[in-house]
PDB file of all heavy atoms in Angstrom:
ATOM      1  N   VAL A   1       0.819  -1.199   0.018  1.00  0.00           N
ATOM      2  CA  VAL A   1       0.007  -0.013  -0.007  1.00  0.00           C
ATOM      3  C   VAL A   1       0.886   1.251  -0.009  1.00  0.00           C
ATOM      4  O   VAL A   1       1.953   1.268   0.642  1.00  0.00           O
ATOM      5  CB  VAL A   1      -0.966  -0.003   1.215  1.00  0.00           C
ATOM      6  CG1 VAL A   1      -0.199   0.073   2.522  1.00  0.00           C
ATOM      7  CG2 VAL A   1      -1.969   1.142   1.115  1.00  0.00           C
ATOM      8  N   ARG A   2       0.394   2.217  -0.725  1.00  0.00           N
ATOM      9  CA  ARG A   2       1.110   3.505  -0.802  1.00  0.00           C
ATOM     10  C   ARG A   2       0.190   4.551  -0.147  1.00  0.00           C
ATOM     11  O   ARG A   2      -0.945   4.746  -0.692  1.00  0.00           O
ATOM     12  CB  ARG A   2       1.390   3.893  -2.228  1.00  0.00           C
ATOM     13  CG  ARG A   2       1.954   5.333  -2.460  1.00  0.00           C
ATOM     14  CD  ARG A   2       2.042   5.682  -3.907  1.00  0.00           C
ATOM     15  NE  ARG A   2       2.446   7.062  -4.123  1.00  0.00           N
ATOM     16  CZ  ARG A   2       3.681   7.476  -4.310  1.00  0.00           C
ATOM     17  NH1 ARG A   2       4.658   6.581  -4.320  1.00  0.00           N
ATOM     18  NH2 ARG A   2       3.958   8.745  -4.467  1.00  0.00           N
ATOM     19  N   TYR A   3       0.656   5.246   0.872  1.00  0.00           N
ATOM     20  CA  TYR A   3      -0.151   6.263   1.523  1.00  0.00           C
ATOM     21  C   TYR A   3       0.299   7.651   1.139  1.00  0.00           C
ATOM     22  O   TYR A   3      -0.375   8.677   1.489  1.00  0.00           O
ATOM     23  CB  TYR A   3      -0.094   6.110   3.017  1.00  0.00           C
ATOM     24  CG  TYR A   3      -0.947   4.923   3.523  1.00  0.00           C
ATOM     25  CD1 TYR A   3      -0.701   4.419   4.774  1.00  0.00           C
ATOM     26  CD2 TYR A   3      -1.911   4.394   2.753  1.00  0.00           C
ATOM     27  CE1 TYR A   3      -1.475   3.361   5.277  1.00  0.00           C
ATOM     28  CE2 TYR A   3      -2.692   3.360   3.200  1.00  0.00           C
ATOM     29  CZ  TYR A   3      -2.475   2.838   4.443  1.00  0.00           C
ATOM     30  OH  TYR A   3      -3.194   1.802   4.915  1.00  0.00           O
ATOM     31  N   ARG A   4       1.396   7.774   0.420  1.00  0.00           N
ATOM     32  CA  ARG A   4       1.861   9.031  -0.026  1.00  0.00           C
ATOM     33  C   ARG A   4       0.958   9.566  -1.125  1.00  0.00           C
ATOM     34  O   ARG A   4       0.212   8.820  -1.750  1.00  0.00           O
ATOM     35  CB  ARG A   4       3.316   8.962  -0.534  1.00  0.00           C
ATOM     36  CG  ARG A   4       4.318   8.853   0.521  1.00  0.00           C
ATOM     37  CD  ARG A   4       5.660   8.457  -0.055  1.00  0.00           C
ATOM     38  NE  ARG A   4       5.782   7.019  -0.164  1.00  0.00           N
ATOM     39  CZ  ARG A   4       6.731   6.402  -0.853  1.00  0.00           C
ATOM     40  NH1 ARG A   4       7.606   7.103  -1.542  1.00  0.00           N
ATOM     41  NH2 ARG A   4       6.772   5.098  -0.941  1.00  0.00           N
ATOM     42  N   PRO A   5       0.956  10.886  -1.388  1.00  0.00           N
ATOM     43  CA  PRO A   5       0.135  11.397  -2.525  1.00  0.00           C
ATOM     44  C   PRO A   5       0.455  10.635  -3.819  1.00  0.00           C
ATOM     45  O   PRO A   5       1.568  10.221  -4.040  1.00  0.00           O
ATOM     46  CB  PRO A   5       0.572  12.876  -2.612  1.00  0.00           C
ATOM     47  CG  PRO A   5       1.004  13.198  -1.193  1.00  0.00           C
ATOM     48  CD  PRO A   5       1.677  11.960  -0.662  1.00  0.00           C
ATOM     49  N   TYR A   6      -0.572  10.547  -4.600  1.00  0.00           N
ATOM     50  CA  TYR A   6      -0.362   9.816  -5.883  1.00  0.00           C
ATOM     51  C   TYR A   6      -1.108  10.558  -6.949  1.00  0.00           C
ATOM     52  O   TYR A   6      -2.001  11.354  -6.686  1.00  0.00           O
ATOM     53  CB  TYR A   6      -0.826   8.407  -5.778  1.00  0.00           C
ATOM     54  CG  TYR A   6      -2.302   8.169  -5.535  1.00  0.00           C
ATOM     55  CD1 TYR A   6      -3.181   8.015  -6.575  1.00  0.00           C
ATOM     56  CD2 TYR A   6      -2.822   8.183  -4.223  1.00  0.00           C
ATOM     57  CE1 TYR A   6      -4.523   7.856  -6.377  1.00  0.00           C
ATOM     58  CE2 TYR A   6      -4.150   8.025  -3.992  1.00  0.00           C
ATOM     59  CZ  TYR A   6      -5.010   7.850  -5.082  1.00  0.00           C
ATOM     60  OH  TYR A   6      -6.360   7.690  -4.851  1.00  0.00           O
ATOM     61  N   SER A   7      -0.771  10.199  -8.192  1.00  0.00           N
ATOM     62  CA  SER A   7      -1.437  10.737  -9.381  1.00  0.00           C
ATOM     63  C   SER A   7      -1.862   9.605 -10.233  1.00  0.00           C
ATOM     64  O   SER A   7      -1.703   8.438  -9.903  1.00  0.00           O
ATOM     65  CB  SER A   7      -0.515  11.719 -10.097  1.00  0.00           C
ATOM     66  OG  SER A   7       0.672  11.045 -10.520  1.00  0.00           O
ATOM     67  N   SER A   8      -2.413   9.952 -11.382  1.00  0.00           N
ATOM     68  CA  SER A   8      -2.873   8.939 -12.330  1.00  0.00           C
ATOM     69  C   SER A   8      -1.687   8.351 -13.080  1.00  0.00           C
ATOM     70  O   SER A   8      -1.533   8.613 -14.253  1.00  0.00           O
ATOM     71  CB  SER A   8      -3.916   9.506 -13.254  1.00  0.00           C
ATOM     72  OG  SER A   8      -5.055   9.941 -12.517  1.00  0.00           O
ATOM     73  N   THR A   9      -0.919   7.561 -12.364  1.00  0.00           N
ATOM     74  CA  THR A   9       0.227   6.907 -13.032  1.00  0.00           C
ATOM     75  C   THR A   9       0.465   5.607 -12.312  1.00  0.00           C
ATOM     76  O   THR A   9      -0.090   5.377 -11.217  1.00  0.00           O
ATOM     77  CB  THR A   9       1.419   7.788 -12.939  1.00  0.00           C
ATOM     78  OG1 THR A   9       2.505   7.173 -13.683  1.00  0.00           O
ATOM     79  CG2 THR A   9       1.966   7.938 -11.500  1.00  0.00           C
ATOM     80  N   SER A  10       1.229   4.714 -12.872  1.00  0.00           N
ATOM     81  CA  SER A  10       1.561   3.456 -12.202  1.00  0.00           C
ATOM     82  C   SER A  10       2.817   3.592 -11.357  1.00  0.00           C
ATOM     83  O   SER A  10       3.752   4.330 -11.753  1.00  0.00           O
ATOM     84  CB  SER A  10       1.664   2.323 -13.226  1.00  0.00           C
ATOM     85  OG  SER A  10       2.808   2.538 -14.055  1.00  0.00           O
ATOM     86  N   TYR A  11       2.846   2.945 -10.237  1.00  0.00           N
ATOM     87  CA  TYR A  11       4.005   2.942  -9.368  1.00  0.00           C
ATOM     88  C   TYR A  11       4.543   1.540  -9.325  1.00  0.00           C
ATOM     89  O   TYR A  11       3.918   0.654  -8.801  1.00  0.00           O
ATOM     90  CB  TYR A  11       3.572   3.369  -7.963  1.00  0.00           C
ATOM     91  CG  TYR A  11       3.078   4.827  -7.957  1.00  0.00           C
ATOM     92  CD1 TYR A  11       1.700   5.118  -8.089  1.00  0.00           C
ATOM     93  CD2 TYR A  11       3.953   5.875  -7.803  1.00  0.00           C
ATOM     94  CE1 TYR A  11       1.250   6.373  -8.079  1.00  0.00           C
ATOM     95  CE2 TYR A  11       3.507   7.181  -7.773  1.00  0.00           C
ATOM     96  CZ  TYR A  11       2.178   7.428  -7.939  1.00  0.00           C
ATOM     97  OH  TYR A  11       1.755   8.720  -7.935  1.00  0.00           O
ATOM     98  N   ARG A  12       5.654   1.295  -9.978  1.00  0.00           N
ATOM     99  CA  ARG A  12       6.155  -0.024 -10.228  1.00  0.00           C
ATOM    100  C   ARG A  12       7.391  -0.364  -9.427  1.00  0.00           C
ATOM    101  O   ARG A  12       7.923  -1.524  -9.584  1.00  0.00           O
ATOM    102  CB  ARG A  12       6.403  -0.209 -11.715  1.00  0.00           C
ATOM    103  CG  ARG A  12       5.147  -0.009 -12.539  1.00  0.00           C
ATOM    104  CD  ARG A  12       5.292  -0.216 -14.011  1.00  0.00           C
ATOM    105  NE  ARG A  12       3.997   0.010 -14.670  1.00  0.00           N
ATOM    106  CZ  ARG A  12       3.427  -0.851 -15.461  1.00  0.00           C
ATOM    107  NH1 ARG A  12       3.974  -2.006 -15.720  1.00  0.00           N
ATOM    108  NH2 ARG A  12       2.297  -0.578 -16.020  1.00  0.00           N
ATOM    109  N   GLY A  13       7.860   0.531  -8.618  1.00  0.00           N
ATOM    110  CA  GLY A  13       8.987   0.234  -7.844  1.00  0.00           C
ATOM    111  C   GLY A  13       8.629  -0.089  -6.360  1.00  0.00           C
ATOM    112  O   GLY A  13       7.663   0.436  -5.835  1.00  0.00           O
ATOM    113  N   GLY A  14       9.394  -0.947  -5.739  1.00  0.00           N
ATOM    114  CA  GLY A  14       9.100  -1.251  -4.351  1.00  0.00           C
ATOM    115  C   GLY A  14       9.174  -0.059  -3.438  1.00  0.00           C
ATOM    116  O   GLY A  14       8.429   0.033  -2.495  1.00  0.00           O
ATOM    117  N   GLY A  15      10.054   0.870  -3.774  1.00  0.00           N
ATOM    118  CA  GLY A  15      10.171   2.114  -2.980  1.00  0.00           C
ATOM    119  C   GLY A  15       8.990   3.043  -3.092  1.00  0.00           C
ATOM    120  O   GLY A  15       8.900   3.989  -2.304  1.00  0.00           O
ATOM    121  N   ASP A  16       8.101   2.776  -4.026  1.00  0.00           N
ATOM    122  CA  ASP A  16       6.948   3.590  -4.212  1.00  0.00           C
ATOM    123  C   ASP A  16       5.842   3.291  -3.199  1.00  0.00           C
ATOM    124  O   ASP A  16       4.870   4.018  -3.115  1.00  0.00           O
ATOM    125  CB  ASP A  16       6.385   3.449  -5.620  1.00  0.00           C
ATOM    126  CG  ASP A  16       7.313   4.000  -6.695  1.00  0.00           C
ATOM    127  OD1 ASP A  16       8.000   5.018  -6.410  1.00  0.00           O
ATOM    128  OD2 ASP A  16       7.353   3.415  -7.760  1.00  0.00           O
ATOM    129  N   PHE A  17       5.990   2.172  -2.464  1.00  0.00           N
ATOM    130  CA  PHE A  17       4.978   1.741  -1.539  1.00  0.00           C
ATOM    131  C   PHE A  17       5.489   1.742  -0.124  1.00  0.00           C
ATOM    132  O   PHE A  17       6.703   1.657   0.095  1.00  0.00           O
ATOM    133  CB  PHE A  17       4.531   0.324  -1.893  1.00  0.00           C
ATOM    134  CG  PHE A  17       3.709   0.277  -3.198  1.00  0.00           C
ATOM    135  CD1 PHE A  17       4.303   0.339  -4.463  1.00  0.00           C
ATOM    136  CD2 PHE A  17       2.310   0.271  -3.105  1.00  0.00           C
ATOM    137  CE1 PHE A  17       3.578   0.332  -5.588  1.00  0.00           C
ATOM    138  CE2 PHE A  17       1.552   0.273  -4.279  1.00  0.00           C
ATOM    139  CZ  PHE A  17       2.239   0.308  -5.524  1.00  0.00           C
ATOM    140  N   ASP A  18       4.579   1.905   0.817  1.00  0.00           N
ATOM    141  CA  ASP A  18       4.951   2.189   2.193  1.00  0.00           C
ATOM    142  C   ASP A  18       4.851   0.990   3.151  1.00  0.00           C
ATOM    143  O   ASP A  18       5.602   0.871   4.082  1.00  0.00           O
ATOM    144  CB  ASP A  18       4.085   3.335   2.777  1.00  0.00           C
ATOM    145  CG  ASP A  18       4.213   4.570   1.927  1.00  0.00           C
ATOM    146  OD1 ASP A  18       5.398   5.056   1.779  1.00  0.00           O
ATOM    147  OD2 ASP A  18       3.230   5.120   1.447  1.00  0.00           O
ATOM    148  N   TYR A  19       3.902   0.150   2.913  1.00  0.00           N
ATOM    149  CA  TYR A  19       3.696  -1.047   3.772  1.00  0.00           C
ATOM    150  C   TYR A  19       3.540  -2.294   2.881  1.00  0.00           C
ATOM    151  O   TYR A  19       2.953  -2.222   1.791  1.00  0.00           O
ATOM    152  CB  TYR A  19       2.490  -0.863   4.674  1.00  0.00           C
ATOM    153  CG  TYR A  19       2.616   0.232   5.680  1.00  0.00           C
ATOM    154  CD1 TYR A  19       2.109   1.502   5.385  1.00  0.00           C
ATOM    155  CD2 TYR A  19       3.241   0.068   6.882  1.00  0.00           C
ATOM    156  CE1 TYR A  19       2.201   2.544   6.322  1.00  0.00           C
ATOM    157  CE2 TYR A  19       3.387   1.096   7.791  1.00  0.00           C
ATOM    158  CZ  TYR A  19       2.850   2.317   7.497  1.00  0.00           C
ATOM    159  OH  TYR A  19       2.962   3.361   8.408  1.00  0.00           O
ATOM    160  N   TRP A  20       3.962  -3.402   3.448  1.00  0.00           N
ATOM    161  CA  TRP A  20       3.942  -4.665   2.723  1.00  0.00           C
ATOM    162  C   TRP A  20       3.349  -5.782   3.539  1.00  0.00           C
ATOM    163  O   TRP A  20       3.452  -5.751   4.807  1.00  0.00           O
ATOM    164  CB  TRP A  20       5.354  -5.064   2.303  1.00  0.00           C
ATOM    165  CG  TRP A  20       5.996  -4.136   1.304  1.00  0.00           C
ATOM    166  CD1 TRP A  20       6.574  -2.918   1.574  1.00  0.00           C
ATOM    167  CD2 TRP A  20       6.055  -4.269  -0.109  1.00  0.00           C
ATOM    168  NE1 TRP A  20       7.022  -2.317   0.443  1.00  0.00           N
ATOM    169  CE2 TRP A  20       6.694  -3.119  -0.601  1.00  0.00           C
ATOM    170  CE3 TRP A  20       5.634  -5.268  -0.976  1.00  0.00           C
ATOM    171  CZ2 TRP A  20       6.957  -2.959  -1.953  1.00  0.00           C
ATOM    172  CZ3 TRP A  20       5.906  -5.093  -2.302  1.00  0.00           C
ATOM    173  CH2 TRP A  20       6.542  -3.967  -2.799  1.00  0.00           C
ATOM    174  N   GLY A  21       2.689  -6.705   2.849  1.00  0.00           N
ATOM    175  CA  GLY A  21       2.210  -7.914   3.536  1.00  0.00           C
ATOM    176  C   GLY A  21       3.333  -8.921   3.618  1.00  0.00           C
ATOM    177  O   GLY A  21       4.451  -8.693   3.137  1.00  0.00           O
ATOM    178  N   GLN A  22       3.010 -10.038   4.237  1.00  0.00           N
ATOM    179  CA  GLN A  22       4.022 -11.078   4.453  1.00  0.00           C
ATOM    180  C   GLN A  22       4.222 -12.006   3.264  1.00  0.00           C
ATOM    181  O   GLN A  22       5.175 -12.726   3.190  1.00  0.00           O
ATOM    182  CB  GLN A  22       3.600 -11.941   5.681  1.00  0.00           C
ATOM    183  CG  GLN A  22       2.575 -13.043   5.407  1.00  0.00           C
ATOM    184  CD  GLN A  22       1.168 -12.514   5.176  1.00  0.00           C
ATOM    185  OE1 GLN A  22       0.898 -11.309   5.336  1.00  0.00           O
ATOM    186  NE2 GLN A  22       0.264 -13.410   4.793  1.00  0.00           N
ATOM    187  N   GLY A  23       3.311 -11.936   2.312  1.00  0.00           N
ATOM    188  CA  GLY A  23       3.463 -12.718   1.101  1.00  0.00           C
ATOM    189  C   GLY A  23       2.656 -14.020   1.130  1.00  0.00           C
ATOM    190  O   GLY A  23       2.452 -14.582   2.253  1.00  0.00           O
ATOM    191  N   THR A  24       2.239 -14.458  -0.014  1.00  0.00           N
ATOM    192  CA  THR A  24       1.539 -15.756  -0.106  1.00  0.00           C
ATOM    193  C   THR A  24       2.116 -16.482  -1.321  1.00  0.00           C
ATOM    194  O   THR A  24       2.300 -15.896  -2.377  1.00  0.00           O
ATOM    195  CB  THR A  24       0.005 -15.545  -0.215  1.00  0.00           C
ATOM    196  OG1 THR A  24      -0.655 -16.834  -0.206  1.00  0.00           O
ATOM    197  CG2 THR A  24      -0.382 -14.802  -1.508  1.00  0.00           C
ATOM    198  N   GLN A  25       2.369 -17.750  -1.116  1.00  0.00           N
ATOM    199  CA  GLN A  25       3.025 -18.550  -2.178  1.00  0.00           C
ATOM    200  C   GLN A  25       2.045 -19.028  -3.193  1.00  0.00           C
ATOM    201  O   GLN A  25       0.981 -19.599  -2.830  1.00  0.00           O
ATOM    202  CB  GLN A  25       3.759 -19.783  -1.556  1.00  0.00           C
ATOM    203  CG  GLN A  25       4.388 -20.684  -2.596  1.00  0.00           C
ATOM    204  CD  GLN A  25       5.588 -20.139  -3.259  1.00  0.00           C
ATOM    205  OE1 GLN A  25       6.471 -19.567  -2.558  1.00  0.00           O
ATOM    206  NE2 GLN A  25       5.691 -20.275  -4.569  1.00  0.00           N
TER     207      GLN A  25
END
C-alpha cells in the first residue's frame, strides 16, 4: 500500500509503496 500522495500513473518500484504484507506462495 502507498499512503503518499499519488497521481494517475503506475507505481512499479518497491520504494513507491509504504507497507507490505508477508506474502503468499
